[in-house]
Amino acid sequence: MKNVMKFLFIAAVILGFSANSFGQSEATASAFATLITPISIEKKVDLNFGTVASSNTDGIVQIATNGGITTDGGATLVAVGGAT
């Protein structure tokens, strides 16, 4: 009986200190535009911003027409597999 109580106490301590943690991050953004003159837009390629790490500071990620990517503020590009 003493061994059973000892086992139950140890099991309760182990279960009491075990916890699961699932870190998840999501972001939602809105976009808007005011068209002064009618324009036509044609898709050439998909936009791919790569992997971006954020911080507590606001940041900006820009893709130039030549495909160059620049960041400012709290946004940082992260190399995954050797490529950004």
N, C-alpha and C. Protein backbone atom coordinates (compact mmCIF):
# COMPACT_ATOMS: atom_id res chain seq x y z
N MET A 1 0.83 -1.19 0.00
CA MET A 1 0.00 0.00 0.00
C MET A 1 0.87 1.25 0.00
N LYS A 2 1.97 1.18 0.74
CA LYS A 2 2.87 2.33 0.80
C LYS A 2 3.49 2.61 -0.57
N ASN A 3 3.84 1.55 -1.32
CA ASN A 3 4.41 1.73 -2.66
C ASN A 3 3.39 2.29 -3.65
N VAL A 4 2.12 1.88 -3.51
CA VAL A 4 1.07 2.39 -4.39
C VAL A 4 0.86 3.87 -4.14
N MET A 5 0.85 4.30 -2.88
CA MET A 5 0.68 5.72 -2.57
C MET A 5 1.86 6.54 -3.09
N LYS A 6 3.07 5.99 -2.96
CA LYS A 6 4.26 6.67 -3.45
C LYS A 6 4.19 6.82 -4.98
N PHE A 7 3.74 5.76 -5.66
CA PHE A 7 3.60 5.81 -7.12
C PHE A 7 2.57 6.85 -7.54
N LEU A 8 1.42 6.87 -6.86
CA LEU A 8 0.38 7.85 -7.20
C LEU A 8 0.85 9.28 -6.95
N PHE A 9 1.61 9.49 -5.88
CA PHE A 9 2.14 10.82 -5.60
C PHE A 9 3.11 11.27 -6.69
N ILE A 10 4.02 10.38 -7.09
CA ILE A 10 5.00 10.71 -8.15
C ILE A 10 4.27 10.97 -9.47
N ALA A 11 3.27 10.15 -9.79
CA ALA A 11 2.50 10.35 -11.03
C ALA A 11 1.79 11.70 -11.01
N ALA A 12 1.21 12.08 -9.87
CA ALA A 12 0.52 13.37 -9.77
C ALA A 12 1.49 14.53 -9.93
N VAL A 13 2.70 14.41 -9.37
CA VAL A 13 3.69 15.48 -9.51
C VAL A 13 4.12 15.61 -10.96
N ILE A 14 4.38 14.48 -11.63
CA ILE A 14 4.81 14.52 -13.04
C ILE A 14 3.72 15.14 -13.91
N LEU A 15 2.48 14.72 -13.72
CA LEU A 15 1.38 15.26 -14.52
C LEU A 15 1.12 16.73 -14.20
N GLY A 16 1.36 17.13 -12.97
CA GLY A 16 1.15 18.52 -12.59
C GLY A 16 2.15 19.46 -13.22
N PHE A 17 3.35 18.98 -13.50
CA PHE A 17 4.38 19.84 -14.09
C PHE A 17 4.48 19.72 -15.60
N SER A 18 3.76 18.82 -16.21
CA SER A 18 3.82 18.71 -17.66
C SER A 18 2.77 19.63 -18.27
N ALA A 19 3.17 20.32 -19.33
CA ALA A 19 2.25 21.23 -20.03
C ALA A 19 2.61 21.25 -21.50
N ASN A 20 1.61 21.36 -22.33
CA ASN A 20 1.84 21.49 -23.77
C ASN A 20 1.74 22.95 -24.16
N SER A 21 2.61 23.35 -25.06
CA SER A 21 2.59 24.72 -25.54
C SER A 21 2.62 24.70 -27.06
N PHE A 22 1.68 25.38 -27.68
CA PHE A 22 1.62 25.44 -29.13
C PHE A 22 1.71 26.90 -29.55
N GLY A 23 2.89 27.33 -29.97
CA GLY A 23 3.07 28.71 -30.40
C GLY A 23 2.62 28.88 -31.83
N GLN A 24 1.68 29.75 -32.04
CA GLN A 24 1.18 29.98 -33.38
C GLN A 24 1.12 31.48 -33.63
N SER A 25 1.36 31.85 -34.87
CA SER A 25 1.34 33.26 -35.21
C SER A 25 0.51 33.44 -36.48
N GLU A 26 -0.37 34.40 -36.46
CA GLU A 26 -1.17 34.72 -37.63
C GLU A 26 -1.15 36.22 -37.86
N ALA A 27 -1.35 36.60 -39.08
CA ALA A 27 -1.42 38.02 -39.40
C ALA A 27 -2.54 38.24 -40.41
N THR A 28 -3.21 39.35 -40.28
CA THR A 28 -4.25 39.74 -41.22
C THR A 28 -3.97 41.17 -41.64
N ALA A 29 -4.15 41.45 -42.90
CA ALA A 29 -3.88 42.80 -43.40
C ALA A 29 -5.02 43.23 -44.31
N SER A 30 -5.24 44.51 -44.38
CA SER A 30 -6.23 45.09 -45.28
C SER A 30 -5.51 45.96 -46.30
N ALA A 31 -6.08 46.06 -47.48
CA ALA A 31 -5.49 46.89 -48.52
C ALA A 31 -6.61 47.70 -49.18
N PHE A 32 -6.28 48.91 -49.60
CA PHE A 32 -7.27 49.73 -50.29
C PHE A 32 -6.54 50.64 -51.27
N ALA A 33 -7.28 51.15 -52.23
CA ALA A 33 -6.70 52.06 -53.23
C ALA A 33 -7.79 53.00 -53.74
N THR A 34 -7.37 54.19 -54.10
CA THR A 34 -8.25 55.15 -54.76
C THR A 34 -7.71 55.35 -56.16
N LEU A 35 -8.51 54.99 -57.17
CA LEU A 35 -8.09 55.11 -58.56
C LEU A 35 -8.51 56.48 -59.09
N ILE A 36 -7.50 57.27 -59.48
CA ILE A 36 -7.78 58.60 -60.03
C ILE A 36 -8.19 58.47 -61.50
N THR A 37 -7.45 57.72 -62.26
CA THR A 37 -7.79 57.46 -63.66
C THR A 37 -7.88 55.95 -63.85
N PRO A 38 -8.74 55.50 -64.73
CA PRO A 38 -8.85 54.06 -64.95
C PRO A 38 -7.52 53.47 -65.41
N ILE A 39 -7.18 52.34 -64.84
CA ILE A 39 -5.96 51.63 -65.25
C ILE A 39 -6.31 50.17 -65.48
N SER A 40 -5.44 49.49 -66.17
CA SER A 40 -5.63 48.05 -66.30
C SER A 40 -4.45 47.37 -65.62
N ILE A 41 -4.74 46.28 -64.95
CA ILE A 41 -3.71 45.54 -64.23
C ILE A 41 -3.64 44.14 -64.82
N GLU A 42 -2.43 43.71 -65.12
CA GLU A 42 -2.23 42.39 -65.68
C GLU A 42 -1.25 41.61 -64.82
N LYS A 43 -1.63 40.42 -64.41
CA LYS A 43 -0.74 39.58 -63.60
C LYS A 43 0.32 38.96 -64.49
N LYS A 44 1.58 39.16 -64.09
CA LYS A 44 2.71 38.54 -64.79
C LYS A 44 3.24 37.33 -64.00
N VAL A 45 3.44 37.52 -62.70
CA VAL A 45 3.91 36.46 -61.82
C VAL A 45 3.26 36.63 -60.45
N ASP A 46 3.30 35.57 -59.64
CA ASP A 46 2.79 35.65 -58.27
C ASP A 46 3.77 36.42 -57.40
N LEU A 47 3.26 37.14 -56.40
CA LEU A 47 4.12 37.80 -55.43
C LEU A 47 4.56 36.79 -54.38
N ASN A 48 5.83 36.78 -54.03
CA ASN A 48 6.35 35.90 -52.98
C ASN A 48 7.25 36.74 -52.09
N PHE A 49 6.77 37.06 -50.90
CA PHE A 49 7.53 37.87 -49.96
C PHE A 49 8.57 37.05 -49.21
N GLY A 50 8.62 35.73 -49.39
CA GLY A 50 9.58 34.90 -48.68
C GLY A 50 9.14 34.70 -47.24
N THR A 51 10.08 34.37 -46.38
CA THR A 51 9.80 34.20 -44.96
C THR A 51 10.20 35.46 -44.23
N VAL A 52 9.24 36.07 -43.55
CA VAL A 52 9.47 37.34 -42.88
C VAL A 52 9.32 37.15 -41.37
N ALA A 53 10.34 37.57 -40.62
CA ALA A 53 10.28 37.54 -39.16
C ALA A 53 9.84 38.92 -38.68
N SER A 54 8.92 38.92 -37.72
CA SER A 54 8.43 40.20 -37.21
C SER A 54 8.93 40.42 -35.79
N SER A 55 8.80 41.66 -35.35
CA SER A 55 9.15 42.02 -33.97
C SER A 55 8.04 42.89 -33.42
N ASN A 56 8.29 43.52 -32.29
CA ASN A 56 7.28 44.40 -31.69
C ASN A 56 7.22 45.76 -32.38
N THR A 57 8.11 46.00 -33.31
CA THR A 57 8.16 47.26 -34.05
C THR A 57 7.49 47.09 -35.40
N ASP A 58 6.73 48.09 -35.86
CA ASP A 58 6.13 48.05 -37.18
C ASP A 58 7.22 47.91 -38.24
N GLY A 59 6.93 47.17 -39.29
CA GLY A 59 7.92 46.98 -40.34
C GLY A 59 7.28 47.01 -41.72
N ILE A 60 8.14 47.12 -42.73
CA ILE A 60 7.69 47.21 -44.12
C ILE A 60 8.51 46.22 -44.95
N VAL A 61 7.83 45.49 -45.85
CA VAL A 61 8.50 44.64 -46.83
C VAL A 61 8.05 45.14 -48.20
N GLN A 62 9.01 45.45 -49.08
CA GLN A 62 8.68 45.97 -50.41
C GLN A 62 9.32 45.09 -51.47
N ILE A 63 8.57 44.85 -52.55
CA ILE A 63 9.10 44.14 -53.70
C ILE A 63 9.13 45.13 -54.87
N ALA A 64 10.32 45.34 -55.42
CA ALA A 64 10.48 46.27 -56.54
C ALA A 64 10.05 45.58 -57.84
N THR A 65 9.88 46.36 -58.88
CA THR A 65 9.47 45.80 -60.17
C THR A 65 10.52 44.87 -60.76
N ASN A 66 11.78 45.02 -60.34
CA ASN A 66 12.83 44.11 -60.82
C ASN A 66 12.96 42.87 -59.95
N GLY A 67 12.10 42.72 -58.93
CA GLY A 67 12.11 41.54 -58.07
C GLY A 67 12.91 41.69 -56.80
N GLY A 68 13.59 42.81 -56.61
CA GLY A 68 14.37 43.04 -55.40
C GLY A 68 13.47 43.23 -54.20
N ILE A 69 13.86 42.65 -53.06
CA ILE A 69 13.06 42.75 -51.84
C ILE A 69 13.83 43.58 -50.82
N THR A 70 13.16 44.58 -50.22
CA THR A 70 13.77 45.39 -49.17
C THR A 70 12.86 45.37 -47.95
N THR A 71 13.48 45.52 -46.77
CA THR A 71 12.72 45.59 -45.53
C THR A 71 13.11 46.83 -44.75
N ASP A 72 12.24 47.23 -43.86
CA ASP A 72 12.51 48.40 -43.01
C ASP A 72 11.79 48.18 -41.69
N GLY A 73 12.29 48.76 -40.63
CA GLY A 73 11.64 48.69 -39.33
C GLY A 73 11.78 47.31 -38.71
N GLY A 74 10.69 46.77 -38.20
CA GLY A 74 10.71 45.51 -37.48
C GLY A 74 10.58 44.27 -38.34
N ALA A 75 10.61 44.40 -39.66
CA ALA A 75 10.51 43.23 -40.55
C ALA A 75 11.90 42.81 -40.99
N THR A 76 12.16 41.50 -40.93
CA THR A 76 13.45 40.95 -41.34
C THR A 76 13.20 39.73 -42.22
N LEU A 77 13.88 39.65 -43.37
CA LEU A 77 13.78 38.48 -44.22
C LEU A 77 14.63 37.37 -43.62
N VAL A 78 14.09 36.16 -43.62
CA VAL A 78 14.79 35.01 -43.05
C VAL A 78 15.15 34.07 -44.19
N ALA A 79 16.43 33.68 -44.27
CA ALA A 79 16.86 32.73 -45.30
C ALA A 79 16.43 31.33 -44.91
N VAL A 80 15.68 30.67 -45.80
CA VAL A 80 15.24 29.31 -45.57
C VAL A 80 15.82 28.47 -46.70
N GLY A 81 16.66 27.52 -46.38
CA GLY A 81 17.27 26.69 -47.42
C GLY A 81 18.25 27.47 -48.26
N GLY A 82 18.83 28.53 -47.72
CA GLY A 82 19.83 29.31 -48.45
C GLY A 82 19.26 30.42 -49.30
N ALA A 83 17.93 30.54 -49.38
CA ALA A 83 17.34 31.58 -50.23
C ALA A 83 16.33 32.38 -49.41
N THR A 84 16.22 33.66 -49.74
CA THR A 84 15.18 34.47 -49.10
C THR A 84 13.97 34.52 -49.99
